[in-house]
Structures are given as C-alpha cells and as structure tokens.
C-alpha atoms as a PDB file:
ATOM      1  CA  MET A   1     -16.032   6.660  16.046  1.00  0.00           C
ATOM      2  CA  ASP A   2     -13.591   8.913  17.779  1.00  0.00           C
ATOM      3  CA  PHE A   3     -15.447  11.773  19.120  1.00  0.00           C
ATOM      4  CA  LYS A   4     -13.698  14.894  20.541  1.00  0.00           C
ATOM      5  CA  GLY A   5     -14.706  17.465  22.999  1.00  0.00           C
ATOM      6  CA  TYR A   6     -17.742  17.524  24.558  1.00  0.00           C
ATOM      7  CA  PHE A   7     -21.304  17.264  22.571  1.00  0.00           C
ATOM      8  CA  TYR A   8     -24.678  16.244  23.166  1.00  0.00           C
ATOM      9  CA  ILE A   9     -26.132  12.801  22.821  1.00  0.00           C
ATOM     10  CA  MET A  10     -29.509  13.406  20.546  1.00  0.00           C
ATOM     11  CA  SER A  11     -32.110  11.167  20.132  1.00  0.00           C
ATOM     12  CA  ARG A  12     -33.847  11.285  16.629  1.00  0.00           C
ATOM     13  CA  GLN A  13     -36.983  10.300  17.755  1.00  0.00           C
ATOM     14  CA  THR A  14     -37.698  13.719  19.730  1.00  0.00           C
ATOM     15  CA  GLY A  15     -34.339  16.270  19.425  1.00  0.00           C
ATOM     16  CA  MET A  16     -34.344  15.588  23.271  1.00  0.00           C
ATOM     17  CA  VAL A  17     -30.770  14.827  24.579  1.00  0.00           C
ATOM     18  CA  LEU A  18     -29.416  12.545  27.029  1.00  0.00           C
ATOM     19  CA  ASP A  19     -29.381  14.277  30.681  1.00  0.00           C
ATOM     20  CA  VAL A  20     -28.202  13.504  34.649  1.00  0.00           C
ATOM     21  CA  LYS A  21     -31.380  13.824  36.199  1.00  0.00           C
ATOM     22  CA  GLU A  22     -31.687  16.976  38.171  1.00  0.00           C
ATOM     23  CA  SER A  23     -28.289  17.742  38.055  1.00  0.00           C
ATOM     24  CA  ASN A  24     -27.378  15.333  40.608  1.00  0.00           C
ATOM     25  CA  LYS A  25     -23.803  14.456  40.806  1.00  0.00           C
ATOM     26  CA  GLU A  26     -24.707  11.392  43.284  1.00  0.00           C
ATOM     27  CA  ALA A  27     -23.693   8.063  42.357  1.00  0.00           C
ATOM     28  CA  SER A  28     -26.455   6.251  40.468  1.00  0.00           C
ATOM     29  CA  THR A  29     -28.578   8.854  39.302  1.00  0.00           C
ATOM     30  CA  PRO A  30     -30.954   7.975  36.372  1.00  0.00           C
ATOM     31  CA  ILE A  31     -29.892   8.928  32.771  1.00  0.00           C
ATOM     32  CA  ILE A  32     -33.219  10.574  31.108  1.00  0.00           C
ATOM     33  CA  VAL A  33     -34.166  12.760  28.187  1.00  0.00           C
ATOM     34  CA  ARG A  34     -34.587  16.307  28.527  1.00  0.00           C
ATOM     35  CA  ASN A  35     -34.587  19.582  26.016  1.00  0.00           C
ATOM     36  CA  LEU A  36     -31.516  20.459  25.131  1.00  0.00           C
ATOM     37  CA  ARG A  37     -30.055  23.683  26.764  1.00  0.00           C
ATOM     38  CA  ALA A  38     -27.503  25.749  24.898  1.00  0.00           C
ATOM     39  CA  GLU A  39     -26.599  28.114  27.474  1.00  0.00           C
ATOM     40  CA  GLY A  40     -26.544  28.130  31.149  1.00  0.00           C
ATOM     41  CA  PRO A  41     -25.737  25.371  33.399  1.00  0.00           C
ATOM     42  CA  VAL A  42     -25.721  22.472  30.940  1.00  0.00           C
ATOM     43  CA  GLU A  43     -23.235  20.351  32.206  1.00  0.00           C
ATOM     44  CA  ASN A  44     -25.622  17.614  32.938  1.00  0.00           C
ATOM     45  CA  GLN A  45     -26.230  17.102  29.401  1.00  0.00           C
ATOM     46  CA  LEU A  46     -22.403  16.787  27.756  1.00  0.00           C
ATOM     47  CA  TRP A  47     -20.386  14.175  27.573  1.00  0.00           C
ATOM     48  CA  LYS A  48     -17.088  13.166  26.208  1.00  0.00           C
ATOM     49  CA  TYR A  49     -15.903   9.846  24.704  1.00  0.00           C
ATOM     50  CA  ASN A  50     -12.929   7.967  25.273  1.00  0.00           C
ATOM     51  CA  SER A  51     -12.312   5.476  22.148  1.00  0.00           C
ATOM     52  CA  GLU A  52      -9.841   3.562  23.639  1.00  0.00           C
ATOM     53  CA  THR A  53     -12.004   2.344  26.509  1.00  0.00           C
ATOM     54  CA  GLY A  54     -15.353   3.009  25.108  1.00  0.00           C
ATOM     55  CA  GLU A  55     -16.179   5.247  28.036  1.00  0.00           C
ATOM     56  CA  LEU A  56     -18.712   8.086  27.964  1.00  0.00           C
ATOM     57  CA  GLU A  57     -17.962  10.639  30.694  1.00  0.00           C
ATOM     58  CA  SER A  58     -20.320  13.355  32.198  1.00  0.00           C
ATOM     59  CA  ARG A  59     -18.946  16.755  32.253  1.00  0.00           C
ATOM     60  CA  LEU A  60     -21.034  17.010  35.688  1.00  0.00           C
ATOM     61  CA  ASN A  61     -19.244  14.735  37.799  1.00  0.00           C
ATOM     62  CA  GLY A  62     -16.773  13.023  35.603  1.00  0.00           C
ATOM     63  CA  PHE A  63     -18.974   9.572  36.288  1.00  0.00           C
ATOM     64  CA  ARG A  64     -19.752   7.294  33.353  1.00  0.00           C
ATOM     65  CA  ILE A  65     -22.863   6.193  31.637  1.00  0.00           C
ATOM     66  CA  ASP A  66     -23.186   2.775  33.090  1.00  0.00           C
ATOM     67  CA  VAL A  67     -25.695  -0.429  32.979  1.00  0.00           C
ATOM     68  CA  LYS A  68     -27.146  -0.589  36.822  1.00  0.00           C
ATOM     69  CA  GLY A  69     -26.020  -4.064  38.171  1.00  0.00           C
ATOM     70  CA  GLY A  70     -23.998  -4.564  35.308  1.00  0.00           C
ATOM     71  CA  TYR A  71     -25.905  -7.203  33.636  1.00  0.00           C
ATOM     72  CA  ALA A  72     -27.746  -7.136  30.225  1.00  0.00           C
ATOM     73  CA  ASN A  73     -31.809  -7.581  30.238  1.00  0.00           C
ATOM     74  CA  ASN A  74     -34.885  -5.354  28.627  1.00  0.00           C
ATOM     75  CA  SER A  75     -35.177  -2.489  30.622  1.00  0.00           C
ATOM     76  CA  ALA A  76     -31.936  -2.372  32.878  1.00  0.00           C
ATOM     77  CA  ALA A  77     -31.766   1.233  33.963  1.00  0.00           C
ATOM     78  CA  ILE A  78     -29.103   3.514  32.628  1.00  0.00           C
ATOM     79  CA  ILE A  79     -27.304   5.481  35.183  1.00  0.00           C
ATOM     80  CA  ASN A  80     -24.414   7.792  35.968  1.00  0.00           C
ATOM     81  CA  TYR A  81     -21.430   5.935  38.068  1.00  0.00           C
ATOM     82  CA  PRO A  82     -18.163   6.291  38.785  1.00  0.00           C
ATOM     83  CA  THR A  83     -15.513   4.606  36.708  1.00  0.00           C
ATOM     84  CA  ASN A  84     -15.202   1.001  36.881  1.00  0.00           C
ATOM     85  CA  ASN A  85     -13.733  -0.392  33.639  1.00  0.00           C
ATOM     86  CA  ALA A  86     -16.501  -2.841  33.515  1.00  0.00           C
ATOM     87  CA  PRO A  87     -18.156  -3.890  30.189  1.00  0.00           C
ATOM     88  CA  ASN A  88     -21.436  -2.133  31.346  1.00  0.00           C
ATOM     89  CA  GLN A  89     -19.818   1.282  31.096  1.00  0.00           C
ATOM     90  CA  LYS A  90     -17.941   0.307  27.220  1.00  0.00           C
ATOM     91  CA  TRP A  91     -20.455   1.980  24.650  1.00  0.00           C
ATOM     92  CA  TYR A  92     -19.776   2.041  20.607  1.00  0.00           C
ATOM     93  CA  PHE A  93     -21.473   4.348  18.136  1.00  0.00           C
ATOM     94  CA  LYS A  94     -22.685   2.548  15.041  1.00  0.00           C
ATOM     95  CA  PRO A  95     -23.242   3.693  11.700  1.00  0.00           C
ATOM     96  CA  ASP A  96     -27.154   3.212  12.212  1.00  0.00           C
ATOM     97  CA  GLY A  97     -27.394   5.634  15.011  1.00  0.00           C
ATOM     98  CA  SER A  98     -27.475   2.875  18.111  1.00  0.00           C
ATOM     99  CA  ILE A  99     -25.114   3.321  20.621  1.00  0.00           C
ATOM    100  CA  GLN A 100     -24.058  -0.616  21.461  1.00  0.00           C
ATOM    101  CA  SER A 101     -22.989  -1.953  24.912  1.00  0.00           C
ATOM    102  CA  GLY A 102     -20.107  -3.553  25.796  1.00  0.00           C
ATOM    103  CA  LEU A 103     -22.406  -6.117  27.431  1.00  0.00           C
ATOM    104  CA  GLY A 104     -23.435  -7.279  23.822  1.00  0.00           C
ATOM    105  CA  ASP A 105     -23.993  -6.647  20.373  1.00  0.00           C
ATOM    106  CA  GLU A 106     -28.057  -7.283  20.871  1.00  0.00           C
ATOM    107  CA  TRP A 107     -27.787  -4.804  23.566  1.00  0.00           C
ATOM    108  CA  VAL A 108     -28.376  -0.722  22.814  1.00  0.00           C
ATOM    109  CA  LEU A 109     -29.212   2.648  24.579  1.00  0.00           C
ATOM    110  CA  ASP A 110     -33.074   2.751  24.311  1.00  0.00           C
ATOM    111  CA  VAL A 111     -35.589   5.575  25.388  1.00  0.00           C
ATOM    112  CA  GLN A 112     -38.028   3.770  27.477  1.00  0.00           C
ATOM    113  CA  GLY A 113     -41.288   2.755  25.525  1.00  0.00           C
ATOM    114  CA  SER A 114     -40.636   5.466  22.579  1.00  0.00           C
ATOM    115  CA  ASN A 115     -42.068   7.818  25.326  1.00  0.00           C
ATOM    116  CA  THR A 116     -41.649  11.628  23.604  1.00  0.00           C
ATOM    117  CA  ALA A 117     -42.145  13.333  27.285  1.00  0.00           C
ATOM    118  CA  PRO A 118     -39.122  15.101  29.079  1.00  0.00           C
ATOM    119  CA  GLY A 119     -38.005  13.115  31.836  1.00  0.00           C
ATOM    120  CA  THR A 120     -38.387   9.858  30.036  1.00  0.00           C
ATOM    121  CA  SER A 121     -36.032   7.384  31.356  1.00  0.00           C
ATOM    122  CA  VAL A 122     -32.853   5.842  29.572  1.00  0.00           C
ATOM    123  CA  ILE A 123     -32.608   2.092  29.487  1.00  0.00           C
ATOM    124  CA  LEU A 124     -30.788  -0.779  27.407  1.00  0.00           C
ATOM    125  CA  TYR A 125     -33.205  -2.963  25.520  1.00  0.00           C
ATOM    126  CA  GLU A 126     -32.248  -5.458  23.028  1.00  0.00           C
ATOM    127  CA  ARG A 127     -31.746  -3.920  19.358  1.00  0.00           C
ATOM    128  CA  LYS A 128     -35.416  -4.216  17.176  1.00  0.00           C
ATOM    129  CA  ALA A 129     -35.289  -6.767  14.555  1.00  0.00           C
ATOM    130  CA  GLY A 130     -34.399  -5.625  11.558  1.00  0.00           C
ATOM    131  CA  GLY A 131     -32.181  -2.616  13.043  1.00  0.00           C
ATOM    132  CA  PRO A 132     -32.543  -0.026  15.584  1.00  0.00           C
ATOM    133  CA  SER A 133     -35.938   1.522  16.304  1.00  0.00           C
ATOM    134  CA  ILE A 134     -36.152   5.071  15.873  1.00  0.00           C
ATOM    135  CA  ASN A 135     -36.113   5.459  19.627  1.00  0.00           C
ATOM    136  CA  GLN A 136     -32.837   3.687  19.552  1.00  0.00           C
ATOM    137  CA  GLN A 137     -31.120   5.893  17.742  1.00  0.00           C
ATOM    138  CA  PHE A 138     -28.958   8.861  18.400  1.00  0.00           C
ATOM    139  CA  ASP A 139     -26.935  11.629  17.059  1.00  0.00           C
ATOM    140  CA  VAL A 140     -23.859  13.409  18.152  1.00  0.00           C
ATOM    141  CA  VAL A 141     -24.177  17.070  18.451  1.00  0.00           C
ATOM    142  CA  PRO A 142     -20.992  19.230  19.105  1.00  0.00           C
ATOM    143  CA  TYR A 143     -21.288  21.545  22.366  1.00  0.00           C
ATOM    144  CA  VAL A 144     -20.353  25.247  21.139  1.00  0.00           C
ATOM    145  CA  PRO A 145     -20.676  27.563  24.051  1.00  0.00           C
ATOM    146  CA  THR A 146     -22.529  30.826  23.527  1.00  0.00           C
ATOM    147  CA  ASP A 147     -21.843  32.889  26.601  1.00  0.00           C
ATOM    148  CA  GLN A 148     -17.567  31.929  26.954  1.00  0.00           C
ATOM    149  CA  PHE A 149     -14.914  32.001  25.477  1.00  0.00           C
ATOM    150  CA  PHE A 150     -13.517  28.651  24.189  1.00  0.00           C
ATOM    151  CA  TYR A 151     -10.817  27.213  21.657  1.00  0.00           C
ATOM    152  CA  ILE A 152     -11.303  25.710  18.328  1.00  0.00           C
ATOM    153  CA  ARG A 153      -8.997  22.850  17.930  1.00  0.00           C
ATOM    154  CA  SER A 154      -8.460  20.572  14.919  1.00  0.00           C
ATOM    155  CA  SER A 155      -8.967  17.366  15.039  1.00  0.00           C
ATOM    156  CA  LEU A 156      -6.437  16.010  12.980  1.00  0.00           C
ATOM    157  CA  ASN A 157      -3.687  17.502  15.363  1.00  0.00           C
ATOM    158  CA  SER A 158      -4.934  18.956  18.184  1.00  0.00           C
ATOM    159  CA  CYS A 159      -3.484  22.240  17.052  1.00  0.00           C
ATOM    160  CA  TYR A 160      -5.299  25.480  18.022  1.00  0.00           C
ATOM    161  CA  LEU A 161      -6.991  27.816  15.538  1.00  0.00           C
ATOM    162  CA  GLN A 162      -5.504  31.189  15.999  1.00  0.00           C
ATOM    163  CA  ILE A 163      -4.677  34.798  14.388  1.00  0.00           C
ATOM    164  CA  LYS A 164      -1.261  34.242  12.999  1.00  0.00           C
ATOM    165  CA  ASP A 165       1.427  35.672  14.922  1.00  0.00           C
ATOM    166  CA  GLY A 166      -1.212  37.407  17.230  1.00  0.00           C
ATOM    167  CA  SER A 167      -1.441  40.427  15.197  1.00  0.00           C
ATOM    168  CA  ASP A 168      -4.538  42.252  16.012  1.00  0.00           C
ATOM    169  CA  LYS A 169      -4.688  44.243  12.217  1.00  0.00           C
ATOM    170  CA  ALA A 170      -7.257  43.883   9.870  1.00  0.00           C
ATOM    171  CA  SER A 171      -7.092  41.082   7.333  1.00  0.00           C
ATOM    172  CA  ALA A 172      -4.521  38.973   9.411  1.00  0.00           C
ATOM    173  CA  PRO A 173      -4.602  35.518   8.556  1.00  0.00           C
ATOM    174  CA  LEU A 174      -5.591  32.532  10.433  1.00  0.00           C
ATOM    175  CA  CYS A 175      -3.566  29.385  10.924  1.00  0.00           C
ATOM    176  CA  ILE A 176      -2.919  26.683  13.097  1.00  0.00           C
ATOM    177  CA  GLY A 177      -0.452  26.452  16.074  1.00  0.00           C
ATOM    178  CA  LYS A 178       0.389  24.830  19.593  1.00  0.00           C
ATOM    179  CA  LYS A 179      -1.061  25.353  22.900  1.00  0.00           C
ATOM    180  CA  ALA A 180       0.731  29.277  22.937  1.00  0.00           C
ATOM    181  CA  ASP A 181       2.395  30.649  26.562  1.00  0.00           C
ATOM    182  CA  GLY A 182       1.069  33.381  28.135  1.00  0.00           C
ATOM    183  CA  ASP A 183      -1.517  35.521  27.083  1.00  0.00           C
ATOM    184  CA  ARG A 184      -3.782  33.266  24.607  1.00  0.00           C
ATOM    185  CA  LYS A 185      -6.701  35.629  23.236  1.00  0.00           C
ATOM    186  CA  PHE A 186      -5.236  35.190  19.787  1.00  0.00           C
ATOM    187  CA  GLN A 187      -6.154  31.854  20.256  1.00  0.00           C
ATOM    188  CA  ARG A 188      -9.685  32.084  21.858  1.00  0.00           C
ATOM    189  CA  TRP A 189     -13.075  32.757  20.460  1.00  0.00           C
ATOM    190  CA  LYS A 190     -16.262  33.282  21.008  1.00  0.00           C
ATOM    191  CA  TYR A 191     -19.568  32.182  18.935  1.00  0.00           C
ATOM    192  CA  ASN A 192     -23.135  34.226  18.232  1.00  0.00           C
ATOM    193  CA  LYS A 193     -25.562  31.406  17.472  1.00  0.00           C
ATOM    194  CA  GLU A 194     -27.852  34.573  15.838  1.00  0.00           C
ATOM    195  CA  THR A 195     -25.572  36.011  13.775  1.00  0.00           C
ATOM    196  CA  ARG A 196     -23.223  32.786  13.374  1.00  0.00           C
ATOM    197  CA  VAL A 197     -20.090  34.983  13.285  1.00  0.00           C
ATOM    198  CA  ILE A 198     -17.106  33.647  15.517  1.00  0.00           C
ATOM    199  CA  CYS A 199     -15.124  36.570  16.923  1.00  0.00           C
ATOM    200  CA  SER A 200     -11.700  36.719  18.393  1.00  0.00           C
ATOM    201  CA  GLU A 201     -11.288  37.536  21.951  1.00  0.00           C
ATOM    202  CA  LEU A 202      -8.050  39.421  20.975  1.00  0.00           C
ATOM    203  CA  ASN A 203      -9.737  42.037  18.882  1.00  0.00           C
ATOM    204  CA  ASP A 204     -13.345  40.997  18.477  1.00  0.00           C
ATOM    205  CA  TYR A 205     -13.075  40.498  14.824  1.00  0.00           C
ATOM    206  CA  ALA A 206     -14.789  37.814  13.284  1.00  0.00           C
ATOM    207  CA  VAL A 207     -13.361  35.211  11.230  1.00  0.00           C
ATOM    208  CA  ASP A 208     -14.009  35.996   7.499  1.00  0.00           C
ATOM    209  CA  VAL A 209     -13.461  34.505   4.068  1.00  0.00           C
ATOM    210  CA  TYR A 210     -11.177  36.831   2.526  1.00  0.00           C
ATOM    211  CA  GLN A 211     -13.114  39.182  -0.170  1.00  0.00           C
ATOM    212  CA  SER A 212     -15.816  36.648   0.198  1.00  0.00           C
ATOM    213  CA  LEU A 213     -14.643  34.914  -2.513  1.00  0.00           C
ATOM    214  CA  ALA A 214     -15.997  30.608  -2.425  1.00  0.00           C
ATOM    215  CA  GLU A 215     -13.279  29.125  -3.863  1.00  0.00           C
ATOM    216  CA  ASN A 216     -10.601  26.516  -3.327  1.00  0.00           C
ATOM    217  CA  SER A 217      -7.853  27.444  -0.999  1.00  0.00           C
ATOM    218  CA  ASN A 218      -9.194  31.181  -0.496  1.00  0.00           C
ATOM    219  CA  LYS A 219      -7.544  32.698   2.861  1.00  0.00           C
ATOM    220  CA  ILE A 220      -9.728  32.900   6.178  1.00  0.00           C
ATOM    221  CA  ILE A 221      -8.522  36.026   8.079  1.00  0.00           C
ATOM    222  CA  SER A 222      -9.537  38.218  10.988  1.00  0.00           C
ATOM    223  CA  TYR A 223     -11.757  41.245  10.202  1.00  0.00           C
ATOM    224  CA  PRO A 224     -14.062  43.777  11.701  1.00  0.00           C
ATOM    225  CA  CYS A 225     -17.265  42.417  12.134  1.00  0.00           C
ATOM    226  CA  HIS A 226     -19.828  43.144   9.697  1.00  0.00           C
ATOM    227  CA  GLY A 227     -22.345  40.259   9.978  1.00  0.00           C
ATOM    228  CA  GLY A 228     -22.385  39.320   5.786  1.00  0.00           C
ATOM    229  CA  ALA A 229     -22.203  35.779   4.547  1.00  0.00           C
ATOM    230  CA  ASN A 230     -18.502  35.612   4.726  1.00  0.00           C
ATOM    231  CA  GLN A 231     -18.408  35.937   8.376  1.00  0.00           C
ATOM    232  CA  GLN A 232     -21.224  33.493   8.772  1.00  0.00           C
ATOM    233  CA  TRP A 233     -20.456  29.815  10.056  1.00  0.00           C
ATOM    234  CA  THR A 234     -22.216  26.682  11.091  1.00  0.00           C
ATOM    235  CA  PHE A 235     -20.936  24.272  13.455  1.00  0.00           C
ATOM    236  CA  GLU A 236     -22.027  20.910  11.668  1.00  0.00           C
ATOM    237  CA  LYS A 237     -22.120  17.330  13.349  1.00  0.00           C
ATOM    238  CA  ASP A 238     -19.411  15.760  11.878  1.00  0.00           C
ATOM    239  CA  GLY A 239     -17.042  18.622  13.394  1.00  0.00           C
ATOM    240  CA  SER A 240     -17.030  20.701   9.889  1.00  0.00           C
ATOM    241  CA  ILE A 241     -17.111  24.440   9.977  1.00  0.00           C
ATOM    242  CA  VAL A 242     -19.085  25.393   7.062  1.00  0.00           C
ATOM    243  CA  SER A 243     -19.300  28.628   5.825  1.00  0.00           C
ATOM    244  CA  GLY A 244     -22.097  31.028   5.417  1.00  0.00           C
ATOM    245  CA  LEU A 245     -21.290  31.277   1.318  1.00  0.00           C
ATOM    246  CA  GLY A 246     -22.689  28.137   0.865  1.00  0.00           C
ATOM    247  CA  THR A 247     -22.871  24.486   2.209  1.00  0.00           C
ATOM    248  CA  LYS A 248     -20.425  23.134   0.356  1.00  0.00           C
ATOM    249  CA  TRP A 249     -17.257  25.397   1.595  1.00  0.00           C
ATOM    250  CA  ALA A 250     -15.808  24.462   4.770  1.00  0.00           C
ATOM    251  CA  MET A 251     -13.040  25.850   7.109  1.00  0.00           C
ATOM    252  CA  ASP A 252      -9.865  23.641   6.193  1.00  0.00           C
ATOM    253  CA  ASP A 253      -6.285  22.901   7.551  1.00  0.00           C
ATOM    254  CA  TYR A 254      -4.352  23.556   4.210  1.00  0.00           C
ATOM    255  CA  GLN A 255      -2.855  20.016   3.154  1.00  0.00           C
ATOM    256  CA  SER A 256      -3.481  18.914   6.533  1.00  0.00           C
ATOM    257  CA  GLY A 257      -0.330  20.674   7.463  1.00  0.00           C
ATOM    258  CA  GLY A 258       0.824  21.072  11.023  1.00  0.00           C
ATOM    259  CA  ALA A 259       1.529  24.212  13.365  1.00  0.00           C
ATOM    260  CA  GLY A 260       1.606  27.036  11.557  1.00  0.00           C
ATOM    261  CA  THR A 261      -0.271  25.976   8.784  1.00  0.00           C
ATOM    262  CA  LYS A 262      -2.371  28.414   6.996  1.00  0.00           C
ATOM    263  CA  VAL A 263      -6.289  28.071   7.642  1.00  0.00           C
ATOM    264  CA  ILE A 264      -8.275  27.927   4.170  1.00  0.00           C
ATOM    265  CA  ILE A 265     -12.012  27.753   2.617  1.00  0.00           C
ATOM    266  CA  PHE A 266     -11.819  24.505   0.823  1.00  0.00           C
ATOM    267  CA  GLU A 267     -14.733  22.681  -0.912  1.00  0.00           C
ATOM    268  CA  TYR A 268     -16.251  19.991   1.943  1.00  0.00           C
ATOM    269  CA  HIS A 269     -15.043  16.431   1.705  1.00  0.00           C
ATOM    270  CA  GLY A 270     -15.588  15.613   5.392  1.00  0.00           C
ATOM    271  CA  TRP A 271     -11.644  14.467   5.861  1.00  0.00           C
ATOM    272  CA  LYS A 272      -9.904  14.908   9.323  1.00  0.00           C
ATOM    273  CA  ASN A 273      -8.510  18.168   8.281  1.00  0.00           C
ATOM    274  CA  GLN A 274     -12.015  19.577   8.042  1.00  0.00           C
ATOM    275  CA  GLN A 275     -12.861  18.563  11.624  1.00  0.00           C
ATOM    276  CA  TRP A 276     -12.882  20.779  14.333  1.00  0.00           C
ATOM    277  CA  TYR A 277     -13.528  20.184  18.090  1.00  0.00           C
ATOM    278  CA  ILE A 278     -14.354  22.733  20.625  1.00  0.00           C
ATOM    279  CA  SER A 279     -12.197  23.016  24.202  1.00  0.00           C
ATOM    280  CA  ASP A 280     -11.649  24.774  27.063  1.00  0.00           C
ATOM    281  CA  GLU A 281      -7.899  24.241  27.750  1.00  0.00           C
END
C-alpha cells in the first residue's frame, strides 16, 4: 500500500495509536500505544511511509520503526532508531490489518499481551494461527491538523487543491494546480473538526458543494461559511474527503486530470482521483 502524508497507526483493539514514548528523540526509545492526540504536540504519534523502502518514519525526529537487535523473536522490542536500511526497519501493510516485518512473513507488530492500558509496549510477535489477533491489527488514520493551515494534495498526481486563479470572490470554483509561486493562501486550508468545515486562508470562505446539489460532476466552489451540510466534509481513512450531503458523495479530481482540472462532487468509488493527503509544503 502507498500512503502519503503523515498519519496515525491505530490499534483496532483499543483505538490507541503508536507513540514514541515521552516524545524522547534519543535512539532506541520504545514504541508504545497511547490515546490519540489530535491537537498540540503530536509529532511523536505521526508517521510517514515510504512504499519503496518499506520504512516507517517518525515525524518527531526522522527515525524509523525498528526491531531492536535486528533479529526476529517473540516479544522483541520495537523502538525508534536512525535509518540503517536493514530488514528490521522494513514494514508491509497487509489487507488483514497486520503490519508485517521485513524479517519474515510470520512476524508482525503486536500490542504486548493484548493489554488495553495506555503505555503498553509494542513488540514483534508471530502472527496468530489462522490470522492476526485483534492486538495485531491496525488502521492508518490520516492526520488532519485543526490548529494550523495546511495543503490538501491529490494522491493521483500530488497537485494542490486550490481556488481557481486565486479568486477571492464568492462562488469561485475549485481546481487542482501545481505548487504556486509567492503568496499561496489560495492553496492553504484549515479544518474545524467540530463543524467539519474546510476554510481557505485567502478569505475564510468554505469549501462548498454548489447549490447543495448531490449529483455527479456538480462543481465545488469557495463560498462564505454558513455551516450547512454542503460545507461539511469528513476525512476518511482511505484518503477520501466525503461530503456532508451523504457518505456516497466524495471530492473528485474530474476525469483524473492534471493541473488546472476542476474539482467536483462525484459518487464515491475510491479510485486515486478521489484520494487526498495533507501536506505542510
């Protein structure tokens, strides 16, 4: 799987996430599970995946998720460690929710002892017979900042969601574009998790489904905020951004086009042109 942008790695057993213990930036710091923090200093809970190398990189210090000692054995400690391009730093996300080690198909990440307490260690352990147990299953949850502006980029082509031509007028359409020069406020957004509204830094207008019409290819515009269902959006685990008009309607890069292509509402299908990721650059 190819995940872009930073994300949380959430245990299906408890909803807690992988965490670099006490935000310690030193090598060999243990990886534990803690309650998810959506705001404030969250760098020790955020990860980025390199699908080419299989490495999971911490936003805290750029270190990798590592099997301590480099050898596979039950209860081997999982730590945060500088990159070394070794098999014990390679990880593969499997459809069954397991995160498999480069040390062998049978070795996966595991919440030690199925313990549900915050602070429980994450270890390496053999995959349970018949498939991973619940303490060996995880979900990737996109990180969406709520206390700062950010960029929304297409997973299809890494273009940026933007207001067309940088217009500050009501009803200006949205499109995707390449990284702009100079002032990029028309490419930056902020999310309110309470109202589920995405607002532009340019003029504080909201991302809006034109006239609240839930129909294929209806345009998405920038419009003064009123908080209606057509201005509500949910960032889903698969990278889709789903409209408050209904779970079947998603933000879509029209016909999988390139820079300059309009952004529309379309029935959810989960293809790359409906997948987006958060970026700080």
